[in-house]
Protein backbone atom coordinates (compact mmCIF):
# COMPACT_ATOMS: atom_id res chain seq x y z
CA MET A 1 -0.02 -0.01 -0.07
CA ASP A 2 1.19 3.59 -0.80
CA THR A 3 0.11 5.14 2.62
CA PRO A 4 0.10 3.49 5.96
CA PHE A 5 -2.94 3.40 8.18
CA ARG A 6 -2.92 6.35 10.61
CA THR A 7 -3.00 4.47 13.93
CA VAL A 8 -3.56 5.66 17.64
CA ILE A 9 -2.85 3.39 20.47
CA VAL A 10 -5.06 3.62 23.59
CA GLY A 11 -4.13 2.35 27.03
CA ASN A 12 -1.27 2.22 29.40
CA ILE A 13 0.97 -0.58 30.53
CA GLN A 14 0.15 -3.12 27.74
CA ALA A 15 -0.43 -0.44 25.21
CA LEU A 16 2.90 1.27 25.80
CA ASN A 17 5.24 -1.76 26.58
CA VAL A 18 4.04 -4.28 23.92
CA LEU A 19 1.44 -3.01 21.35
CA LEU A 20 3.34 0.35 20.57
CA PRO A 21 6.74 -1.30 19.79
CA ALA A 22 4.84 -4.05 17.86
CA PHE A 23 2.82 -1.83 15.69
CA LYS A 24 5.68 0.48 15.00
CA THR A 25 7.48 -2.46 13.32
CA VAL A 26 4.75 -3.04 10.68
CA SER A 27 5.07 -0.77 7.78
CA ALA A 28 1.25 -0.75 7.06
CA PHE A 29 0.70 1.36 10.25
CA ALA A 30 2.00 4.77 11.22
CA VAL A 31 1.50 5.26 14.98
CA THR A 32 0.44 8.90 14.78
CA GLY A 33 -0.97 9.09 18.41
CA LEU A 34 -1.26 7.64 21.91
CA CYS A 35 -4.19 7.91 24.28
CA GLY A 36 -4.38 7.20 28.04
CA ARG A 37 -4.83 8.46 31.56
CA ASN A 38 -1.20 8.40 32.48
CA GLN A 39 -0.03 11.34 30.34
CA LYS A 40 3.32 11.39 32.05
CA ALA A 41 4.17 7.72 30.87
CA ILE A 42 2.69 8.44 27.35
CA GLN A 43 4.81 11.56 26.95
CA THR A 44 7.93 9.49 28.00
CA ALA A 45 6.86 7.02 25.27
CA ILE A 46 6.56 9.67 22.70
CA ALA A 47 9.98 10.94 23.46
CA LYS A 48 11.53 7.41 23.07
CA SER A 49 9.48 6.18 20.12
CA GLY A 50 9.07 9.40 17.91
CA PRO A 51 6.62 12.01 17.37
CA ALA A 52 2.91 11.30 18.01
CA LYS A 53 -0.07 13.24 19.27
CA TYR A 54 -1.28 12.97 22.82
CA TYR A 55 -5.14 12.34 23.23
CA PRO A 56 -6.42 12.53 26.62
CA THR A 57 -9.77 10.35 25.98
CA TRP A 58 -10.96 7.87 23.28
CA GLU A 59 -13.64 10.43 22.53
CA ALA A 60 -10.84 12.87 21.31
CA VAL A 61 -9.64 9.95 19.10
CA ALA A 62 -13.04 9.30 17.65
CA ALA A 63 -13.32 13.06 16.89
CA ASP A 64 -10.15 13.11 14.82
CA PRO A 65 -10.80 12.56 11.23
CA GLU A 66 -7.05 11.88 10.65
CA VAL A 67 -7.26 8.69 12.38
CA ASP A 68 -7.84 5.44 10.57
CA VAL A 69 -7.05 2.60 13.13
CA VAL A 70 -7.48 2.46 16.93
CA VAL A 71 -5.53 -0.14 18.99
CA LEU A 72 -7.50 -0.63 22.20
CA ALA A 73 -5.90 -2.01 25.37
CA LEU A 74 -8.49 -0.99 28.02
CA PRO A 75 -10.12 -2.87 31.00
CA PRO A 76 -13.03 -4.83 29.55
CA LEU A 77 -15.68 -2.62 31.27
CA LEU A 78 -14.34 0.39 29.31
CA GLN A 79 -13.27 -1.24 26.06
CA GLY A 80 -16.69 -2.21 25.00
CA PRO A 81 -18.29 1.33 25.09
CA ALA A 82 -15.12 2.75 23.70
CA ALA A 83 -14.98 0.48 20.56
CA ILE A 84 -18.71 1.15 19.86
CA GLY A 85 -17.92 4.87 19.80
CA LEU A 86 -14.88 4.61 17.68
CA VAL A 87 -16.30 2.32 14.98
CA ALA A 88 -19.23 4.73 14.90
CA ALA A 89 -16.68 7.43 14.03
CA GLY A 90 -15.43 5.21 11.16
CA LYS A 91 -12.29 3.86 12.86
CA HIS A 92 -11.11 0.16 12.22
CA LEU A 93 -10.24 -1.72 15.43
CA PHE A 94 -7.63 -3.89 17.01
CA CYS A 95 -8.97 -5.08 20.57
CA GLU A 96 -7.49 -6.69 23.48
CA LYS A 97 -9.30 -9.69 24.90
CA PRO A 98 -11.86 -10.26 26.22
CA LEU A 99 -13.87 -7.76 24.09
CA ALA A 100 -16.09 -6.39 26.83
CA ALA A 101 -17.13 -7.22 30.51
CA ASP A 102 -19.74 -9.45 29.57
CA LEU A 103 -21.24 -11.14 26.42
CA ALA A 104 -24.03 -8.55 25.91
CA GLY A 105 -21.22 -5.93 25.75
CA ALA A 106 -19.30 -8.06 23.23
CA GLU A 107 -22.16 -8.76 21.05
CA ALA A 108 -22.95 -5.00 21.06
CA LEU A 109 -19.37 -4.31 19.89
CA ALA A 110 -19.50 -6.86 17.16
CA ALA A 111 -22.89 -5.57 15.89
CA ALA A 112 -21.59 -1.90 15.72
CA VAL A 113 -18.47 -3.15 13.69
CA THR A 114 -20.91 -4.88 11.35
CA GLN A 115 -23.27 -2.07 11.09
CA HIS A 116 -20.47 0.58 10.24
CA GLN A 117 -18.64 -1.79 7.86
CA ARG A 118 -15.41 -1.61 9.79
CA VAL A 119 -12.52 -4.20 10.06
CA ALA A 120 -11.58 -5.47 13.53
CA ALA A 121 -9.27 -8.00 14.94
CA VAL A 122 -8.62 -9.53 18.46
CA ASN A 123 -5.23 -9.99 20.25
CA PHE A 124 -5.10 -13.87 20.45
CA GLY A 125 -1.47 -14.25 20.09
CA PHE A 126 -1.07 -17.95 20.84
CA ARG A 127 -2.37 -18.64 17.43
CA MET A 128 0.57 -17.21 15.84
CA ILE A 129 3.17 -19.42 17.68
CA GLU A 130 4.54 -22.14 15.49
CA ALA A 131 4.34 -24.91 18.01
CA PHE A 132 0.60 -24.03 18.80
CA ARG A 133 -0.02 -24.10 14.80
CA ASP A 134 1.69 -27.39 14.48
CA LEU A 135 -0.25 -28.88 17.30
CA ARG A 136 -3.36 -27.97 15.56
CA ALA A 137 -2.20 -29.27 12.30
CA ILE A 138 -1.46 -32.68 13.90
CA ILE A 139 -4.76 -32.89 15.47
CA GLY A 140 -6.56 -31.96 12.15
CA SER A 141 -4.57 -34.69 10.19
CA GLY A 142 -6.07 -37.47 12.29
CA CYS A 143 -2.61 -39.34 12.22
CA LEU A 144 -2.78 -40.04 15.93
CA GLY A 145 -6.48 -41.06 16.12
CA ALA A 146 -9.10 -39.33 18.11
CA PRO A 147 -8.18 -37.25 21.12
CA GLN A 148 -8.87 -39.01 24.29
CA PHE A 149 -8.15 -36.27 26.93
CA ALA A 150 -6.58 -32.99 27.22
CA MET A 151 -5.11 -30.60 29.95
CA ALA A 152 -3.99 -26.94 29.80
CA GLU A 153 -1.98 -25.50 32.83
CA TRP A 154 -0.60 -21.89 33.09
CA LEU A 155 0.61 -21.51 36.46
CA LEU A 156 2.48 -18.33 37.54
CA SER A 157 3.58 -16.48 40.67
CA THR A 158 3.25 -12.87 39.11
CA ARG A 159 0.61 -11.63 41.64
CA ARG A 160 1.52 -13.67 44.68
CA ASP A 161 2.82 -10.50 46.52
CA PRO A 162 -0.01 -9.32 48.73
CA ALA A 163 1.67 -5.76 48.84
CA MET A 164 0.69 -5.24 45.09
CA THR A 165 -1.99 -2.46 45.27
CA TRP A 166 -5.41 -2.76 44.45
CA ASN A 167 -6.44 -1.91 40.70
CA TRP A 168 -9.05 -2.93 38.07
CA LYS A 169 -7.32 -6.37 37.95
CA SER A 170 -8.70 -7.00 41.52
CA ASP A 171 -12.26 -6.45 40.41
CA GLU A 172 -14.25 -8.99 38.62
CA GLN A 173 -16.78 -6.54 37.46
CA LEU A 174 -14.19 -4.37 35.71
CA GLY A 175 -12.78 -7.44 33.85
CA GLY A 176 -10.03 -8.46 36.40
CA GLY A 177 -8.98 -12.06 37.15
CA THR A 178 -7.46 -15.05 35.56
CA LEU A 179 -10.71 -16.15 33.89
CA SER A 180 -11.11 -12.76 31.92
CA MET A 181 -7.45 -11.90 31.46
CA MET A 182 -5.88 -15.31 30.81
CA THR A 183 -8.21 -18.18 30.70
CA VAL A 184 -9.88 -16.54 27.82
CA HIS A 185 -6.65 -17.18 25.76
CA VAL A 186 -6.80 -20.81 26.74
CA LEU A 187 -10.43 -21.15 25.78
CA ASP A 188 -9.62 -19.68 22.37
CA TYR A 189 -6.90 -21.90 21.55
CA LEU A 190 -8.62 -25.07 22.75
CA GLY A 191 -11.69 -24.08 20.38
CA TRP A 192 -9.27 -23.55 17.71
CA PHE A 193 -7.68 -27.05 18.42
CA LEU A 194 -10.92 -29.01 19.38
CA GLY A 195 -14.10 -27.45 18.10
CA ASP A 196 -17.25 -26.95 19.91
CA LEU A 197 -17.73 -26.77 23.66
CA VAL A 198 -20.73 -28.60 25.08
CA ASP A 199 -20.27 -28.38 29.00
CA VAL A 200 -18.28 -26.58 31.36
CA ARG A 201 -17.88 -26.26 35.27
CA LEU A 202 -15.81 -23.58 36.93
CA GLN A 203 -14.08 -23.29 40.34
CA THR A 204 -12.32 -20.01 41.28
CA ALA A 205 -10.43 -18.69 44.23
CA ALA A 206 -8.60 -15.55 45.47
CA LEU A 207 -5.23 -16.87 47.18
CA VAL A 208 -4.60 -13.12 47.79
CA PRO A 209 -8.09 -11.98 49.03
CA THR A 210 -7.13 -8.18 49.88
CA ARG A 211 -4.86 -5.60 48.48
CA PRO A 212 -3.90 -2.25 49.76
CA ASP A 213 -5.68 0.80 48.21
CA PRO A 214 -2.87 2.75 46.15
CA GLU A 215 -4.20 6.06 47.76
CA THR A 216 -4.99 5.26 51.41
CA GLY A 217 -3.12 2.02 52.12
CA ARG A 218 -6.14 0.32 53.62
CA LEU A 219 -6.87 -3.13 52.53
CA LYS A 220 -9.65 -3.62 49.97
CA PRO A 221 -11.20 -6.90 49.24
CA VAL A 222 -10.33 -8.55 45.86
CA SER A 223 -13.44 -9.77 43.86
CA ALA A 224 -11.47 -11.19 40.91
CA ASP A 225 -10.08 -14.63 40.92
CA ASP A 226 -6.27 -15.16 40.72
CA SER A 227 -6.78 -18.95 40.27
CA SER A 228 -9.41 -20.70 38.30
CA ASN A 229 -10.08 -24.43 37.48
CA LEU A 230 -12.36 -25.52 34.63
CA LEU A 231 -13.74 -28.93 33.72
CA LEU A 232 -14.78 -28.90 30.05
CA THR A 233 -16.32 -31.17 27.59
CA PHE A 234 -15.78 -30.81 23.82
CA ALA A 235 -17.90 -32.37 21.14
CA PRO A 236 -18.71 -35.16 21.02
CA GLN A 237 -17.44 -36.22 24.57
CA LEU A 238 -13.88 -35.02 25.15
CA PRO A 239 -13.01 -34.25 28.54
CA VAL A 240 -10.52 -31.28 29.16
CA SER A 241 -8.97 -29.80 32.28
CA VAL A 242 -7.90 -26.24 32.42
CA THR A 243 -6.03 -24.67 35.44
CA VAL A 244 -4.75 -21.07 35.56
CA SER A 245 -3.09 -19.15 38.43
CA THR A 246 -1.04 -15.93 38.92
CA ALA A 247 -0.57 -16.21 42.56
CA LEU A 248 1.13 -19.62 43.53
CA SER A 249 4.25 -19.95 45.44
CA VAL A 250 6.09 -21.27 42.61
CA GLY A 251 5.25 -20.77 38.94
CA SER A 252 5.82 -23.79 36.36
CA GLY A 253 4.97 -22.18 33.19
CA HIS A 254 2.40 -22.87 30.60
CA ARG A 255 1.75 -26.64 29.34
CA VAL A 256 -0.73 -28.04 27.09
CA ARG A 257 -1.13 -31.90 26.74
CA VAL A 258 -3.47 -33.91 24.33
CA TRP A 259 -3.69 -37.68 24.67
CA PHE A 260 -4.72 -39.75 21.57
CA GLU A 261 -5.01 -43.36 20.76
CA GLN A 262 -1.42 -43.27 19.24
CA GLY A 263 0.31 -41.18 21.79
CA LEU A 264 0.69 -38.02 23.70
CA LEU A 265 1.46 -34.53 22.31
CA GLU A 266 2.80 -31.74 24.71
CA LEU A 267 3.32 -28.07 24.44
CA ALA A 268 5.38 -26.44 27.23
CA ASN A 269 7.57 -23.58 28.23
CA ALA A 270 9.35 -22.82 31.47
CA PRO A 271 8.47 -20.22 34.44
CA GLY A 272 11.15 -17.84 33.35
CA ASP A 273 9.90 -17.43 29.76
CA ASP A 274 7.87 -14.57 28.37
CA PHE A 275 4.28 -15.69 28.08
CA HIS A 276 4.73 -16.37 24.32
CA ASP A 277 8.32 -17.77 24.72
CA GLY A 278 10.06 -21.09 24.72
CA PHE A 279 7.25 -23.36 23.64
CA ARG A 280 8.33 -26.85 22.68
CA LEU A 281 6.22 -29.34 20.96
CA THR A 282 7.13 -32.97 21.93
CA PHE A 283 5.52 -36.32 21.00
CA LEU A 284 5.60 -39.57 23.05
CA PRO A 285 4.26 -42.48 21.13
CA ALA A 286 1.92 -45.21 22.83
CA LYS A 287 3.32 -48.62 23.18
CA ASN A 288 1.22 -49.96 20.44
CA ALA A 289 1.83 -47.00 18.01
CA ARG A 290 2.26 -47.84 14.57
CA ALA A 291 5.85 -48.03 13.12
CA GLY A 292 7.05 -44.67 11.40
CA LEU A 293 4.53 -42.60 13.54
CA THR A 294 7.23 -40.34 15.21
CA ASP A 295 8.68 -39.33 11.80
CA GLU A 296 5.25 -38.66 10.47
CA VAL A 297 4.45 -36.35 13.40
CA ARG A 298 7.88 -34.60 12.94
CA GLN A 299 6.97 -33.98 9.31
CA LEU A 300 3.64 -32.34 10.29
CA ALA A 301 5.30 -30.22 12.89
CA ALA A 302 7.59 -28.59 10.15
CA LEU A 303 6.98 -25.01 11.47
CA SER A 304 8.51 -25.58 14.84
CA GLN A 305 10.53 -28.68 13.98
CA MET A 306 10.22 -29.90 17.63
CA ALA A 307 12.52 -27.04 18.87
CA PRO A 308 11.72 -24.28 21.39
CA CYS A 309 10.17 -21.06 19.80
CA TYR A 310 11.30 -17.73 21.33
CA PRO A 311 9.36 -15.08 19.62
CA GLY A 312 8.64 -12.89 22.64
CA ARG A 313 5.48 -10.94 23.56
CA ILE A 314 6.31 -7.99 21.32
CA ASN A 315 7.14 -10.17 18.29
CA ILE A 316 3.87 -12.23 18.70
CA ASN A 317 1.94 -8.95 18.89
CA ARG A 318 3.75 -8.01 15.65
CA ARG A 319 2.53 -11.05 13.92
CA VAL A 320 -1.01 -10.46 14.95
CA ALA A 321 -0.61 -6.87 13.70
CA GLU A 322 0.52 -8.21 10.27
CA GLU A 323 -2.37 -10.30 9.94
CA PHE A 324 -4.72 -7.40 10.86
CA ALA A 325 -2.82 -5.24 8.32
CA ARG A 326 -3.65 -8.00 5.66
CA ALA A 327 -7.50 -7.93 6.74
CA LEU A 328 -7.55 -4.25 6.43
CA GLN A 329 -6.18 -4.56 2.94
CA ASN A 330 -8.76 -7.28 2.08
CA GLN A 331 -5.95 -9.90 1.63
CA PRO A 332 -6.06 -13.46 2.88
CA ASN A 333 -5.11 -13.39 6.67
CA ARG A 334 -5.19 -15.32 9.82
CA ALA A 335 -6.15 -12.45 12.09
CA PRO A 336 -8.23 -13.73 15.13
CA SER A 337 -11.75 -12.36 14.35
CA LEU A 338 -14.69 -10.98 16.41
CA ALA A 339 -16.36 -14.39 16.02
CA ASP A 340 -13.27 -15.92 17.66
CA ALA A 341 -13.63 -13.39 20.62
CA LEU A 342 -17.41 -13.81 20.85
CA ARG A 343 -17.08 -17.51 21.14
CA ALA A 344 -14.43 -17.24 23.99
CA GLN A 345 -16.75 -14.69 25.75
CA LYS A 346 -19.75 -16.91 25.46
CA TRP A 347 -17.66 -19.67 27.04
CA ILE A 348 -16.45 -17.32 30.04
CA GLU A 349 -20.18 -16.52 30.73
CA LEU A 350 -21.05 -20.06 30.65
CA ALA A 351 -18.35 -20.92 33.04
CA ARG A 352 -19.36 -18.11 35.30
CA ALA A 353 -23.08 -19.26 35.24
CA SER A 354 -21.90 -22.80 36.25
CA ARG A 355 -20.08 -21.31 39.34
CA LYS A 356 -23.37 -20.01 40.82
């Protein structure tokens, strides 16, 4: 394309530390502005990354006719209304997940995108990792037979410290908690791997039940979970277990295992890796596996070649941004869509309902 899309990034930590450097590496986008409450942090980012306009609110972004694309990294309760206002103003959208605080908000966002004929993508980055793509290809090939059981574990200690101050991540109504912030990723890639969900049961816990108010220092109750466990059934009757925690004494990284008639596939990284780093795809054949199966699996795993993948969070976001650029240019692409996000949001709501 001759002219890059004039792009504004809205948000604070994720927006400035990950999305800004990611989008600046994609030639289809020209980051012309930043928007967020922390003006000091944004001005520092502008000084480091190059000229950009500061917008105090998303409404100011919507009112600017010289903005083509908006990248949103807001708490879910705020992201839904902002997205609807932005697409009504003619902006294309790149959204963080989940889309909104609840399914109704997500559906309203998707309806607005359709009504105003805008392009939108959602930041489900695990789909861009070679080892995840290879696992999906192997499942789809049928070479290992039917899946028998699956487990996903994402276990961290990042929020174990009770001295971390209370913010929106501590409030379930604002979109905080592992279910909204992290398990949504797992639900997305499980649906991508395995298909339709037919049943879900949820257990949650707040291992750190209070956090100090950043202004008063007084302890405030935490309503958002920092640990969640789901028992899922995928069609026709495939049992799947998912455990996500951010407050354990010792983190053990991210691992996905799928058992088949012919053996076990495992994706795993280590506790010290970036969220998207270090994934290794391995295969353990069953005792009765047919001859030559390991070589067949290796050929299907051509992208990752059974080796660790170290793309890093910024690079993964760059890959999603590149797919989004292809969607904007009406080219074939793998950008995660609003339909993908709506499916994950529906499953989150089903999980919450099962807990009551």
